Structure formats: structure tokens, C-alpha cells
Amino acid sequence: MAFLYLTVAVIAEVLATAALKASNGFTELVPIIFTVLGYAIALFFLGLTFKTIPMGLAYAMWSAAGIVLISCVGWIVFKQNLDLPALIGLVFIVLGIVIINIFSESTEL
């Protein structure tokens, strides 16, 4: 269940961050509501994740997955450029998540 909670936390955080961008500096009401609700949901499910996955590892996976996914949302939805150094950095972030999940005994439930 912990990884399901973590997945929900990541998705909620990415949606909230996209809504934050869409809020135009907190001037648009509907995106502000989605931002606040999204972050609340993300933190709630991240807290549930902490019950079984060590805090440092859960937070690392949450933030890393969020960085990669929100970068993709920025590129696709908001037409923001990702140059080669940015893409290489994102690949390293993904590799970090893979290494944690495959090789770390700390994440075994």
C-alpha cells in the first residue's frame, strides 16, 4: 500500500504544481483552489507513506518523481523548453529512483 500512497502523493503534487503555474501568480481563483487541495492531498498521502517507508527515501522518491513529471508537464502543457543538460539531469534523477527501488533494502516492506 505504501507505494500506492506514494503514487497518489506524487500525482497530487504534480497536479497542484501545474495548477500553481496556471494560477498566474495566485490571481486566478479556480487554479488556486486546485493548488491548495492538491498539495493537501499530496502531503496527506506522503504522511501515510512515512508509516512504512523511511522518511528520507520516501521524500527522495516523491520529490524526484515530482521533478521529472512536472518537467514533462511544463514541456507538454506550458510549452517550456527542456535543453540537453536539463534532459540529462532528468535522466539522472530517474536513474536515482530506479537505483533506490532495485538496490536499497531500506524500501523493502
PDB file of N, CA and C in Angstrom:
ATOM      1  N   MET A   1       0.816  -1.209   0.000  1.00  0.00           N
ATOM      2  CA  MET A   1       0.000   0.000   0.000  1.00  0.00           C
ATOM      3  C   MET A   1       0.853   1.264   0.000  1.00  0.00           C
ATOM      4  N   ALA A   2       2.041   1.177   0.578  1.00  0.00           N
ATOM      5  CA  ALA A   2       2.884   2.369   0.708  1.00  0.00           C
ATOM      6  C   ALA A   2       3.211   2.981  -0.644  1.00  0.00           C
ATOM      7  N   PHE A   3       3.498   2.131  -1.628  1.00  0.00           N
ATOM      8  CA  PHE A   3       3.849   2.681  -2.939  1.00  0.00           C
ATOM      9  C   PHE A   3       2.622   3.224  -3.661  1.00  0.00           C
ATOM     10  N   LEU A   4       1.450   2.714  -3.364  1.00  0.00           N
ATOM     11  CA  LEU A   4       0.217   3.295  -3.895  1.00  0.00           C
ATOM     12  C   LEU A   4       0.006   4.685  -3.295  1.00  0.00           C
ATOM     13  N   TYR A   5       0.195   4.803  -1.978  1.00  0.00           N
ATOM     14  CA  TYR A   5       0.099   6.108  -1.319  1.00  0.00           C
ATOM     15  C   TYR A   5       1.111   7.094  -1.909  1.00  0.00           C
ATOM     16  N   LEU A   6       2.311   6.611  -2.133  1.00  0.00           N
ATOM     17  CA  LEU A   6       3.357   7.463  -2.689  1.00  0.00           C
ATOM     18  C   LEU A   6       2.987   7.912  -4.102  1.00  0.00           C
ATOM     19  N   THR A   7       2.421   7.029  -4.881  1.00  0.00           N
ATOM     20  CA  THR A   7       1.995   7.374  -6.239  1.00  0.00           C
ATOM     21  C   THR A   7       0.904   8.445  -6.214  1.00  0.00           C
ATOM     22  N   VAL A   8      -0.073   8.285  -5.322  1.00  0.00           N
ATOM     23  CA  VAL A   8      -1.128   9.292  -5.190  1.00  0.00           C
ATOM     24  C   VAL A   8      -0.518  10.628  -4.763  1.00  0.00           C
ATOM     25  N   ALA A   9       0.428  10.595  -3.843  1.00  0.00           N
ATOM     26  CA  ALA A   9       1.081  11.827  -3.376  1.00  0.00           C
ATOM     27  C   ALA A   9       1.807  12.521  -4.517  1.00  0.00           C
ATOM     28  N   VAL A  10       2.498  11.766  -5.349  1.00  0.00           N
ATOM     29  CA  VAL A  10       3.234  12.346  -6.476  1.00  0.00           C
ATOM     30  C   VAL A  10       2.266  12.968  -7.485  1.00  0.00           C
ATOM     31  N   ILE A  11       1.230  12.239  -7.838  1.00  0.00           N
ATOM     32  CA  ILE A  11       0.269  12.738  -8.826  1.00  0.00           C
ATOM     33  C   ILE A  11      -0.418  14.004  -8.308  1.00  0.00           C
ATOM     34  N   ALA A  12      -0.815  14.001  -7.042  1.00  0.00           N
ATOM     35  CA  ALA A  12      -1.466  15.182  -6.463  1.00  0.00           C
ATOM     36  C   ALA A  12      -0.519  16.372  -6.446  1.00  0.00           C
ATOM     37  N   GLU A  13       0.738  16.131  -6.145  1.00  0.00           N
ATOM     38  CA  GLU A  13       1.725  17.221  -6.101  1.00  0.00           C
ATOM     39  C   GLU A  13       1.965  17.787  -7.489  1.00  0.00           C
ATOM     40  N   VAL A  14       2.041  16.937  -8.487  1.00  0.00           N
ATOM     41  CA  VAL A  14       2.264  17.400  -9.855  1.00  0.00           C
ATOM     42  C   VAL A  14       1.062  18.208 -10.341  1.00  0.00           C
ATOM     43  N   LEU A  15      -0.134  17.721 -10.070  1.00  0.00           N
ATOM     44  CA  LEU A  15      -1.341  18.469 -10.460  1.00  0.00           C
ATOM     45  C   LEU A  15      -1.410  19.815  -9.735  1.00  0.00           C
ATOM     46  N   ALA A  16      -1.044  19.815  -8.459  1.00  0.00           N
ATOM     47  CA  ALA A  16      -1.062  21.063  -7.693  1.00  0.00           C
ATOM     48  C   ALA A  16      -0.038  22.054  -8.229  1.00  0.00           C
ATOM     49  N   THR A  17       1.126  21.571  -8.601  1.00  0.00           N
ATOM     50  CA  THR A  17       2.160  22.458  -9.132  1.00  0.00           C
ATOM     51  C   THR A  17       1.757  23.017 -10.492  1.00  0.00           C
ATOM     52  N   ALA A  18       1.131  22.188 -11.319  1.00  0.00           N
ATOM     53  CA  ALA A  18       0.628  22.673 -12.610  1.00  0.00           C
ATOM     54  C   ALA A  18      -0.457  23.725 -12.386  1.00  0.00           C
ATOM     55  N   ALA A  19      -1.320  23.491 -11.415  1.00  0.00           N
ATOM     56  CA  ALA A  19      -2.362  24.473 -11.095  1.00  0.00           C
ATOM     57  C   ALA A  19      -1.745  25.761 -10.559  1.00  0.00           C
ATOM     58  N   LEU A  20      -0.658  25.633  -9.809  1.00  0.00           N
ATOM     59  CA  LEU A  20       0.040  26.810  -9.293  1.00  0.00           C
ATOM     60  C   LEU A  20       0.537  27.677 -10.452  1.00  0.00           C
ATOM     61  N   LYS A  21       1.106  27.042 -11.465  1.00  0.00           N
ATOM     62  CA  LYS A  21       1.539  27.779 -12.659  1.00  0.00           C
ATOM     63  C   LYS A  21       0.345  28.427 -13.341  1.00  0.00           C
ATOM     64  N   ALA A  22      -0.755  27.686 -13.449  1.00  0.00           N
ATOM     65  CA  ALA A  22      -1.960  28.194 -14.111  1.00  0.00           C
ATOM     66  C   ALA A  22      -2.642  29.310 -13.318  1.00  0.00           C
ATOM     67  N   SER A  23      -2.324  29.410 -12.027  1.00  0.00           N
ATOM     68  CA  SER A  23      -2.964  30.439 -11.194  1.00  0.00           C
ATOM     69  C   SER A  23      -2.467  31.843 -11.504  1.00  0.00           C
ATOM     70  N   ASN A  24      -1.428  31.932 -12.333  1.00  0.00           N
ATOM     71  CA  ASN A  24      -0.910  33.232 -12.761  1.00  0.00           C
ATOM     72  C   ASN A  24      -0.541  34.115 -11.569  1.00  0.00           C
ATOM     73  N   GLY A  25       0.313  33.556 -10.704  1.00  0.00           N
ATOM     74  CA  GLY A  25       0.757  34.320  -9.534  1.00  0.00           C
ATOM     75  C   GLY A  25      -0.323  34.484  -8.487  1.00  0.00           C
ATOM     76  N   PHE A  26      -1.125  33.445  -8.321  1.00  0.00           N
ATOM     77  CA  PHE A  26      -2.229  33.428  -7.357  1.00  0.00           C
ATOM     78  C   PHE A  26      -3.257  34.522  -7.642  1.00  0.00           C
ATOM     79  N   THR A  27      -3.580  34.698  -8.928  1.00  0.00           N
ATOM     80  CA  THR A  27      -4.593  35.683  -9.305  1.00  0.00           C
ATOM     81  C   THR A  27      -5.844  35.047  -9.893  1.00  0.00           C
ATOM     82  N   GLU A  28      -5.816  33.735 -10.149  1.00  0.00           N
ATOM     83  CA  GLU A  28      -6.960  33.021 -10.725  1.00  0.00           C
ATOM     84  C   GLU A  28      -7.516  32.065  -9.669  1.00  0.00           C
ATOM     85  N   LEU A  29      -8.783  32.240  -9.304  1.00  0.00           N
ATOM     86  CA  LEU A  29      -9.368  31.524  -8.177  1.00  0.00           C
ATOM     87  C   LEU A  29      -9.413  30.004  -8.356  1.00  0.00           C
ATOM     88  N   VAL A  30      -9.897  29.508  -9.482  1.00  0.00           N
ATOM     89  CA  VAL A  30     -10.053  28.054  -9.659  1.00  0.00           C
ATOM     90  C   VAL A  30      -8.699  27.336  -9.571  1.00  0.00           C
ATOM     91  N   PRO A  31      -7.655  27.794 -10.256  1.00  0.00           N
ATOM     92  CA  PRO A  31      -6.365  27.133 -10.087  1.00  0.00           C
ATOM     93  C   PRO A  31      -5.814  27.216  -8.655  1.00  0.00           C
ATOM     94  N   ILE A  32      -6.111  28.303  -7.954  1.00  0.00           N
ATOM     95  CA  ILE A  32      -5.680  28.422  -6.551  1.00  0.00           C
ATOM     96  C   ILE A  32      -6.323  27.322  -5.718  1.00  0.00           C
ATOM     97  N   ILE A  33      -7.610  27.081  -5.929  1.00  0.00           N
ATOM     98  CA  ILE A  33      -8.309  26.028  -5.183  1.00  0.00           C
ATOM     99  C   ILE A  33      -7.691  24.661  -5.473  1.00  0.00           C
ATOM    100  N   PHE A  34      -7.418  24.379  -6.764  1.00  0.00           N
ATOM    101  CA  PHE A  34      -6.782  23.112  -7.120  1.00  0.00           C
ATOM    102  C   PHE A  34      -5.380  22.999  -6.527  1.00  0.00           C
ATOM    103  N   THR A  35      -4.670  24.111  -6.459  1.00  0.00           N
ATOM    104  CA  THR A  35      -3.325  24.107  -5.867  1.00  0.00           C
ATOM    105  C   THR A  35      -3.380  23.718  -4.395  1.00  0.00           C
ATOM    106  N   VAL A  36      -4.230  24.381  -3.649  1.00  0.00           N
ATOM    107  CA  VAL A  36      -4.331  24.121  -2.211  1.00  0.00           C
ATOM    108  C   VAL A  36      -4.806  22.692  -1.942  1.00  0.00           C
ATOM    109  N   LEU A  37      -5.852  22.270  -2.642  1.00  0.00           N
ATOM    110  CA  LEU A  37      -6.360  20.904  -2.455  1.00  0.00           C
ATOM    111  C   LEU A  37      -5.316  19.862  -2.872  1.00  0.00           C
ATOM    112  N   GLY A  38      -4.656  20.104  -3.982  1.00  0.00           N
ATOM    113  CA  GLY A  38      -3.650  19.157  -4.463  1.00  0.00           C
ATOM    114  C   GLY A  38      -2.500  18.984  -3.492  1.00  0.00           C
ATOM    115  N   TYR A  39      -1.992  20.086  -2.971  1.00  0.00           N
ATOM    116  CA  TYR A  39      -0.898  19.981  -2.003  1.00  0.00           C
ATOM    117  C   TYR A  39      -1.361  19.331  -0.702  1.00  0.00           C
ATOM    118  N   ALA A  40      -2.587  19.609  -0.280  1.00  0.00           N
ATOM    119  CA  ALA A  40      -3.118  18.968   0.935  1.00  0.00           C
ATOM    120  C   ALA A  40      -3.213  17.461   0.745  1.00  0.00           C
ATOM    121  N   ILE A  41      -3.730  17.040  -0.398  1.00  0.00           N
ATOM    122  CA  ILE A  41      -3.829  15.603  -0.691  1.00  0.00           C
ATOM    123  C   ILE A  41      -2.435  14.987  -0.770  1.00  0.00           C
ATOM    124  N   ALA A  42      -1.519  15.671  -1.447  1.00  0.00           N
ATOM    125  CA  ALA A  42      -0.155  15.156  -1.594  1.00  0.00           C
ATOM    126  C   ALA A  42       0.509  14.955  -0.232  1.00  0.00           C
ATOM    127  N   LEU A  43       0.395  15.936   0.634  1.00  0.00           N
ATOM    128  CA  LEU A  43       1.039  15.822   1.945  1.00  0.00           C
ATOM    129  C   LEU A  43       0.364  14.765   2.820  1.00  0.00           C
ATOM    130  N   PHE A  44      -0.954  14.637   2.712  1.00  0.00           N
ATOM    131  CA  PHE A  44      -1.655  13.601   3.461  1.00  0.00           C
ATOM    132  C   PHE A  44      -1.146  12.218   3.065  1.00  0.00           C
ATOM    133  N   PHE A  45      -1.086  11.948   1.756  1.00  0.00           N
ATOM    134  CA  PHE A  45      -0.651  10.625   1.307  1.00  0.00           C
ATOM    135  C   PHE A  45       0.847  10.421   1.507  1.00  0.00           C
ATOM    136  N   LEU A  46       1.634  11.477   1.438  1.00  0.00           N
ATOM    137  CA  LEU A  46       3.055  11.345   1.756  1.00  0.00           C
ATOM    138  C   LEU A  46       3.218  10.959   3.221  1.00  0.00           C
ATOM    139  N   GLY A  47       2.402  11.545   4.083  1.00  0.00           N
ATOM    140  CA  GLY A  47       2.429  11.177   5.501  1.00  0.00           C
ATOM    141  C   GLY A  47       2.088   9.718   5.724  1.00  0.00           C
ATOM    142  N   LEU A  48       1.120   9.207   4.978  1.00  0.00           N
ATOM    143  CA  LEU A  48       0.788   7.778   5.079  1.00  0.00           C
ATOM    144  C   LEU A  48       1.953   6.913   4.618  1.00  0.00           C
ATOM    145  N   THR A  49       2.652   7.381   3.610  1.00  0.00           N
ATOM    146  CA  THR A  49       3.819   6.650   3.102  1.00  0.00           C
ATOM    147  C   THR A  49       4.896   6.530   4.173  1.00  0.00           C
ATOM    148  N   PHE A  50       5.063   7.578   4.974  1.00  0.00           N
ATOM    149  CA  PHE A  50       6.088   7.583   6.018  1.00  0.00           C
ATOM    150  C   PHE A  50       5.870   6.501   7.070  1.00  0.00           C
ATOM    151  N   LYS A  51       4.674   5.939   7.144  1.00  0.00           N
ATOM    152  CA  LYS A  51       4.425   4.880   8.123  1.00  0.00           C
ATOM    153  C   LYS A  51       5.237   3.624   7.828  1.00  0.00           C
ATOM    154  N   THR A  52       5.544   3.385   6.548  1.00  0.00           N
ATOM    155  CA  THR A  52       6.224   2.131   6.199  1.00  0.00           C
ATOM    156  C   THR A  52       7.527   2.314   5.429  1.00  0.00           C
ATOM    157  N   ILE A  53       7.681   3.406   4.721  1.00  0.00           N
ATOM    158  CA  ILE A  53       8.938   3.665   4.008  1.00  0.00           C
ATOM    159  C   ILE A  53       9.687   4.740   4.781  1.00  0.00           C
ATOM    160  N   PRO A  54      10.973   4.557   5.024  1.00  0.00           N
ATOM    161  CA  PRO A  54      11.731   5.577   5.753  1.00  0.00           C
ATOM    162  C   PRO A  54      11.552   6.967   5.128  1.00  0.00           C
ATOM    163  N   MET A  55      11.420   7.949   5.984  1.00  0.00           N
ATOM    164  CA  MET A  55      11.112   9.309   5.572  1.00  0.00           C
ATOM    165  C   MET A  55      12.056   9.825   4.480  1.00  0.00           C
ATOM    166  N   GLY A  56      13.341   9.663   4.657  1.00  0.00           N
ATOM    167  CA  GLY A  56      14.301  10.177   3.683  1.00  0.00           C
ATOM    168  C   GLY A  56      14.132   9.563   2.311  1.00  0.00           C
ATOM    169  N   LEU A  57      13.907   8.256   2.268  1.00  0.00           N
ATOM    170  CA  LEU A  57      13.738   7.580   0.985  1.00  0.00           C
ATOM    171  C   LEU A  57      12.393   7.925   0.347  1.00  0.00           C
ATOM    172  N   ALA A  58      11.339   7.956   1.133  1.00  0.00           N
ATOM    173  CA  ALA A  58      10.019   8.295   0.598  1.00  0.00           C
ATOM    174  C   ALA A  58      10.032   9.718   0.041  1.00  0.00           C
ATOM    175  N   TYR A  59      10.628  10.635   0.783  1.00  0.00           N
ATOM    176  CA  TYR A  59      10.675  12.024   0.326  1.00  0.00           C
ATOM    177  C   TYR A  59      11.539  12.146  -0.928  1.00  0.00           C
ATOM    178  N   ALA A  60      12.650  11.410  -0.970  1.00  0.00           N
ATOM    179  CA  ALA A  60      13.518  11.439  -2.154  1.00  0.00           C
ATOM    180  C   ALA A  60      12.764  10.950  -3.382  1.00  0.00           C
ATOM    181  N   MET A  61      12.030   9.862  -3.245  1.00  0.00           N
ATOM    182  CA  MET A  61      11.279   9.329  -4.383  1.00  0.00           C
ATOM    183  C   MET A  61      10.150  10.275  -4.777  1.00  0.00           C
ATOM    184  N   TRP A  62       9.466  10.846  -3.779  1.00  0.00           N
ATOM    185  CA  TRP A  62       8.362  11.776  -4.032  1.00  0.00           C
ATOM    186  C   TRP A  62       8.858  13.011  -4.783  1.00  0.00           C
ATOM    187  N   SER A  63       9.915  13.603  -4.280  1.00  0.00           N
ATOM    188  CA  SER A  63      10.399  14.832  -4.903  1.00  0.00           C
ATOM    189  C   SER A  63      11.016  14.553  -6.271  1.00  0.00           C
ATOM    190  N   ALA A  64      11.747  13.452  -6.397  1.00  0.00           N
ATOM    191  CA  ALA A  64      12.376  13.124  -7.682  1.00  0.00           C
ATOM    192  C   ALA A  64      11.320  12.854  -8.749  1.00  0.00           C
ATOM    193  N   ALA A  65      10.336  12.032  -8.421  1.00  0.00           N
ATOM    194  CA  ALA A  65       9.271  11.745  -9.382  1.00  0.00           C
ATOM    195  C   ALA A  65       8.508  13.024  -9.725  1.00  0.00           C
ATOM    196  N   GLY A  66       8.289  13.865  -8.726  1.00  0.00           N
ATOM    197  CA  GLY A  66       7.609  15.133  -8.969  1.00  0.00           C
ATOM    198  C   GLY A  66       8.390  16.033  -9.904  1.00  0.00           C
ATOM    199  N   ILE A  67       9.693  16.111  -9.720  1.00  0.00           N
ATOM    200  CA  ILE A  67      10.540  16.944 -10.578  1.00  0.00           C
ATOM    201  C   ILE A  67      10.451  16.475 -12.027  1.00  0.00           C
ATOM    202  N   VAL A  68      10.586  15.177 -12.226  1.00  0.00           N
ATOM    203  CA  VAL A  68      10.562  14.637 -13.587  1.00  0.00           C
ATOM    204  C   VAL A  68       9.186  14.854 -14.225  1.00  0.00           C
ATOM    205  N   LEU A  69       8.131  14.530 -13.502  1.00  0.00           N
ATOM    206  CA  LEU A  69       6.794  14.652 -14.072  1.00  0.00           C
ATOM    207  C   LEU A  69       6.391  16.102 -14.315  1.00  0.00           C
ATOM    208  N   ILE A  70       6.709  17.002 -13.378  1.00  0.00           N
ATOM    209  CA  ILE A  70       6.321  18.407 -13.591  1.00  0.00           C
ATOM    210  C   ILE A  70       7.155  19.023 -14.711  1.00  0.00           C
ATOM    211  N   SER A  71       8.366  18.540 -14.919  1.00  0.00           N
ATOM    212  CA  SER A  71       9.154  18.998 -16.065  1.00  0.00           C
ATOM    213  C   SER A  71       8.482  18.582 -17.367  1.00  0.00           C
ATOM    214  N   CYS A  72       7.949  17.375 -17.403  1.00  0.00           N
ATOM    215  CA  CYS A  72       7.215  16.897 -18.584  1.00  0.00           C
ATOM    216  C   CYS A  72       5.937  17.705 -18.795  1.00  0.00           C
ATOM    217  N   VAL A  73       5.216  17.989 -17.712  1.00  0.00           N
ATOM    218  CA  VAL A  73       4.004  18.809 -17.809  1.00  0.00           C
ATOM    219  C   VAL A  73       4.359  20.211 -18.315  1.00  0.00           C
ATOM    220  N   GLY A  74       5.425  20.785 -17.797  1.00  0.00           N
ATOM    221  CA  GLY A  74       5.856  22.107 -18.254  1.00  0.00           C
ATOM    222  C   GLY A  74       6.188  22.110 -19.739  1.00  0.00           C
ATOM    223  N   TRP A  75       6.833  21.053 -20.188  1.00  0.00           N
ATOM    224  CA  TRP A  75       7.221  20.936 -21.597  1.00  0.00           C
ATOM    225  C   TRP A  75       5.994  20.746 -22.488  1.00  0.00           C
ATOM    226  N   ILE A  76       5.082  19.839 -22.096  1.00  0.00           N
ATOM    227  CA  ILE A  76       3.931  19.496 -22.931  1.00  0.00           C
ATOM    228  C   ILE A  76       2.815  20.542 -22.832  1.00  0.00           C
ATOM    229  N   VAL A  77       2.436  20.891 -21.611  1.00  0.00           N
ATOM    230  CA  VAL A  77       1.272  21.757 -21.409  1.00  0.00           C
ATOM    231  C   VAL A  77       1.627  23.239 -21.542  1.00  0.00           C
ATOM    232  N   PHE A  78       2.729  23.637 -20.910  1.00  0.00           N
ATOM    233  CA  PHE A  78       3.078  25.056 -20.871  1.00  0.00           C
ATOM    234  C   PHE A  78       4.134  25.453 -21.907  1.00  0.00           C
ATOM    235  N   LYS A  79       4.512  24.502 -22.781  1.00  0.00           N
ATOM    236  CA  LYS A  79       5.451  24.749 -23.893  1.00  0.00           C
ATOM    237  C   LYS A  79       6.794  25.310 -23.424  1.00  0.00           C
ATOM    238  N   GLN A  80       7.257  24.830 -22.266  1.00  0.00           N
ATOM    239  CA  GLN A  80       8.556  25.257 -21.749  1.00  0.00           C
ATOM    240  C   GLN A  80       9.640  24.350 -22.331  1.00  0.00           C
ATOM    241  N   ASN A  81      10.771  24.936 -22.676  1.00  0.00           N
ATOM    242  CA  ASN A  81      11.857  24.171 -23.284  1.00  0.00           C
ATOM    243  C   ASN A  81      12.644  23.377 -22.258  1.00  0.00           C
ATOM    244  N   LEU A  82      13.060  22.192 -22.652  1.00  0.00           N
ATOM    245  CA  LEU A  82      13.997  21.379 -21.883  1.00  0.00           C
ATOM    246  C   LEU A  82      15.209  21.155 -22.780  1.00  0.00           C
ATOM    247  N   ASP A  83      16.319  21.818 -22.461  1.00  0.00           N
ATOM    248  CA  ASP A  83      17.511  21.646 -23.280  1.00  0.00           C
ATOM    249  C   ASP A  83      18.242  20.361 -22.891  1.00  0.00           C
ATOM    250  N   LEU A  84      19.324  20.067 -23.583  1.00  0.00           N
ATOM    251  CA  LEU A  84      20.048  18.814 -23.367  1.00  0.00           C
ATOM    252  C   LEU A  84      20.545  18.647 -21.929  1.00  0.00           C
ATOM    253  N   PRO A  85      21.151  19.669 -21.310  1.00  0.00           N
ATOM    254  CA  PRO A  85      21.566  19.492 -19.911  1.00  0.00           C
ATOM    255  C   PRO A  85      20.388  19.187 -18.983  1.00  0.00           C
ATOM    256  N   ALA A  86      19.234  19.807 -19.228  1.00  0.00           N
ATOM    257  CA  ALA A  86      18.045  19.528 -18.404  1.00  0.00           C
ATOM    258  C   ALA A  86      17.606  18.079 -18.588  1.00  0.00           C
ATOM    259  N   LEU A  87      17.582  17.615 -19.817  1.00  0.00           N
ATOM    260  CA  LEU A  87      17.182  16.226 -20.085  1.00  0.00           C
ATOM    261  C   LEU A  87      18.151  15.234 -19.456  1.00  0.00           C
ATOM    262  N   ILE A  88      19.438  15.529 -19.543  1.00  0.00           N
ATOM    263  CA  ILE A  88      20.435  14.648 -18.921  1.00  0.00           C
ATOM    264  C   ILE A  88      20.222  14.615 -17.404  1.00  0.00           C
ATOM    265  N   GLY A  89      19.988  15.763 -16.813  1.00  0.00           N
ATOM    266  CA  GLY A  89      19.720  15.818 -15.377  1.00  0.00           C
ATOM    267  C   GLY A  89      18.492  15.020 -14.995  1.00  0.00           C
ATOM    268  N   LEU A  90      17.436  15.110 -15.791  1.00  0.00           N
ATOM    269  CA  LEU A  90      16.217  14.348 -15.516  1.00  0.00           C
ATOM    270  C   LEU A  90      16.464  12.844 -15.630  1.00  0.00           C
ATOM    271  N   VAL A  91      17.289  12.452 -16.587  1.00  0.00           N
ATOM    272  CA  VAL A  91      17.645  11.027 -16.709  1.00  0.00           C
ATOM    273  C   VAL A  91      18.367  10.559 -15.448  1.00  0.00           C
ATOM    274  N   PHE A  92      19.282  11.369 -14.927  1.00  0.00           N
ATOM    275  CA  PHE A  92      19.976  11.004 -13.693  1.00  0.00           C
ATOM    276  C   PHE A  92      19.012  10.887 -12.517  1.00  0.00           C
ATOM    277  N   ILE A  93      18.011  11.756 -12.472  1.00  0.00           N
ATOM    278  CA  ILE A  93      17.011  11.676 -11.408  1.00  0.00           C
ATOM    279  C   ILE A  93      16.245  10.362 -11.507  1.00  0.00           C
ATOM    280  N   VAL A  94      15.829  10.002 -12.718  1.00  0.00           N
ATOM    281  CA  VAL A  94      15.125   8.729 -12.917  1.00  0.00           C
ATOM    282  C   VAL A  94      16.023   7.560 -12.523  1.00  0.00           C
ATOM    283  N   LEU A  95      17.277   7.620 -12.908  1.00  0.00           N
ATOM    284  CA  LEU A  95      18.208   6.556 -12.521  1.00  0.00           C
ATOM    285  C   LEU A  95      18.328   6.455 -11.003  1.00  0.00           C
ATOM    286  N   GLY A  96      18.311   7.576 -10.316  1.00  0.00           N
ATOM    287  CA  GLY A  96      18.360   7.559  -8.858  1.00  0.00           C
ATOM    288  C   GLY A  96      17.159   6.844  -8.259  1.00  0.00           C
ATOM    289  N   ILE A  97      15.983   7.097  -8.797  1.00  0.00           N
ATOM    290  CA  ILE A  97      14.772   6.419  -8.319  1.00  0.00           C
ATOM    291  C   ILE A  97      14.881   4.923  -8.570  1.00  0.00           C
ATOM    292  N   VAL A  98      15.350   4.548  -9.752  1.00  0.00           N
ATOM    293  CA  VAL A  98      15.500   3.125 -10.103  1.00  0.00           C
ATOM    294  C   VAL A  98      16.497   2.453  -9.170  1.00  0.00           C
ATOM    295  N   ILE A  99      17.622   3.088  -8.916  1.00  0.00           N
ATOM    296  CA  ILE A  99      18.645   2.513  -8.031  1.00  0.00           C
ATOM    297  C   ILE A  99      18.088   2.305  -6.633  1.00  0.00           C
ATOM    298  N   ILE A 100      17.360   3.290  -6.120  1.00  0.00           N
ATOM    299  CA  ILE A 100      16.761   3.149  -4.785  1.00  0.00           C
ATOM    300  C   ILE A 100      15.813   1.964  -4.748  1.00  0.00           C
ATOM    301  N   ASN A 101      14.952   1.859  -5.749  1.00  0.00           N
ATOM    302  CA  ASN A 101      13.931   0.810  -5.734  1.00  0.00           C
ATOM    303  C   ASN A 101      14.485  -0.577  -5.997  1.00  0.00           C
ATOM    304  N   ILE A 102      15.553  -0.688  -6.761  1.00  0.00           N
ATOM    305  CA  ILE A 102      16.110  -2.007  -7.068  1.00  0.00           C
ATOM    306  C   ILE A 102      17.109  -2.462  -6.014  1.00  0.00           C
ATOM    307  N   PHE A 103      17.968  -1.563  -5.571  1.00  0.00           N
ATOM    308  CA  PHE A 103      19.090  -1.983  -4.747  1.00  0.00           C
ATOM    309  C   PHE A 103      18.988  -1.672  -3.263  1.00  0.00           C
ATOM    310  N   SER A 104      18.137  -0.741  -2.864  1.00  0.00           N
ATOM    311  CA  SER A 104      18.071  -0.367  -1.460  1.00  0.00           C
ATOM    312  C   SER A 104      17.188  -1.341  -0.688  1.00  0.00           C
ATOM    313  N   GLU A 105      17.753  -1.898   0.353  1.00  0.00           N
ATOM    314  CA  GLU A 105      16.976  -2.766   1.231  1.00  0.00           C
ATOM    315  C   GLU A 105      16.101  -1.946   2.183  1.00  0.00           C
ATOM    316  N   SER A 106      16.328  -0.663   2.248  1.00  0.00           N
ATOM    317  CA  SER A 106      15.560   0.207   3.135  1.00  0.00           C
ATOM    318  C   SER A 106      14.111   0.370   2.690  1.00  0.00           C
ATOM    319  N   THR A 107      13.825   0.110   1.401  1.00  0.00           N
ATOM    320  CA  THR A 107      12.472   0.293   0.909  1.00  0.00           C
ATOM    321  C   THR A 107      11.661  -0.989   0.929  1.00  0.00           C
ATOM    322  N   GLU A 108      12.269  -2.096   1.327  1.00  0.00           N
ATOM    323  CA  GLU A 108      11.524  -3.361   1.381  1.00  0.00           C
ATOM    324  C   GLU A 108      10.522  -3.321   2.529  1.00  0.00           C
ATOM    325  N   LEU A 109       9.307  -3.724   2.228  1.00  0.00           N
ATOM    326  CA  LEU A 109       8.242  -3.643   3.214  1.00  0.00           C
ATOM    327  C   LEU A 109       8.006  -4.978   3.876  1.00  0.00           C
TER     328      LEU A 109
END
